[in-house]
Amino acid sequence: PGAGGTVAYWGVQNAEQAWARLMELGAEPDSPVRDVGGGIKVASVLDPFGNPVGIIENPHFGGPS
């Protein structure tokens, strides 16, 4: 019972800005932005139904040309 399972991560250009925007939009904090090495930052929030949604800033991801 309750939230659990897989967390989908959404690629963002700036994790801190994305985290702040999600908070402005009413998301609940789950796991704050943290550096996991290699310039990669991750965080997660909870949607209105309690589901976790992750964000990831990864300089190794290719962006739009």
Protein backbone atom coordinates (compact mmCIF):
# COMPACT_ATOMS: atom_id res chain seq x y z
CA PRO A 1 0.00 0.00 0.00
CA GLY A 2 1.07 3.60 -0.60
CA ALA A 3 3.53 5.18 -2.98
CA GLY A 4 6.43 3.11 -4.19
CA GLY A 5 7.95 1.47 -7.19
CA THR A 6 9.63 3.11 -10.13
CA VAL A 7 10.45 6.81 -10.34
CA ALA A 8 10.45 8.32 -13.82
CA TYR A 9 13.11 11.04 -14.23
CA TRP A 10 12.51 14.05 -16.46
CA GLY A 11 15.66 15.55 -18.00
CA VAL A 12 16.10 19.25 -17.16
CA GLN A 13 18.79 21.82 -17.94
CA ASN A 14 18.94 23.19 -14.38
CA ALA A 15 17.81 21.02 -11.47
CA GLU A 16 17.60 23.85 -8.94
CA GLN A 17 15.39 25.98 -11.21
CA ALA A 18 13.18 23.01 -12.11
CA TRP A 19 12.83 22.09 -8.41
CA ALA A 20 11.83 25.67 -7.52
CA ARG A 21 9.28 25.78 -10.35
CA LEU A 22 7.72 22.49 -9.29
CA MET A 23 7.41 23.81 -5.73
CA GLU A 24 5.73 26.98 -7.07
CA LEU A 25 3.25 24.79 -8.94
CA GLY A 26 2.25 22.98 -5.74
CA ALA A 27 4.38 19.83 -5.77
CA GLU A 28 5.42 18.41 -2.42
CA PRO A 29 9.13 17.85 -1.75
CA ASP A 30 10.28 14.22 -1.74
CA SER A 31 14.06 14.30 -2.19
CA PRO A 32 15.90 17.63 -2.59
CA VAL A 33 18.39 18.36 -5.37
CA ARG A 34 21.64 16.50 -4.77
CA ASP A 35 24.83 16.02 -6.74
CA VAL A 36 25.40 12.33 -7.41
CA GLY A 37 28.77 12.81 -9.14
CA GLY A 38 29.96 13.50 -12.64
CA GLY A 39 28.02 16.76 -12.77
CA ILE A 40 24.73 14.88 -12.46
CA LYS A 41 22.05 16.23 -10.12
CA VAL A 42 18.80 14.49 -9.20
CA ALA A 43 15.73 15.29 -7.11
CA SER A 44 12.14 14.15 -6.78
CA VAL A 45 8.78 15.62 -5.85
CA LEU A 46 5.35 14.18 -5.17
CA ASP A 47 2.43 14.94 -7.47
CA PRO A 48 -1.04 15.70 -6.03
CA PHE A 49 -1.74 11.95 -5.79
CA GLY A 50 1.48 11.14 -3.90
CA ASN A 51 3.32 9.71 -6.90
CA PRO A 52 7.03 10.49 -7.09
CA VAL A 53 8.31 12.35 -10.15
CA GLY A 54 12.06 12.73 -10.59
CA ILE A 55 14.15 15.38 -12.30
CA ILE A 56 17.69 14.86 -13.54
CA GLU A 57 20.28 17.34 -14.76
CA ASN A 58 22.91 15.44 -16.69
CA PRO A 59 25.53 17.30 -18.72
CA HIS A 60 26.23 14.06 -20.59
CA PHE A 61 22.73 13.97 -22.14
CA GLY A 62 22.59 15.30 -25.66
CA GLY A 63 20.36 18.35 -26.09
CA PRO A 64 18.54 19.77 -29.06
CA SER A 65 20.80 20.98 -31.84
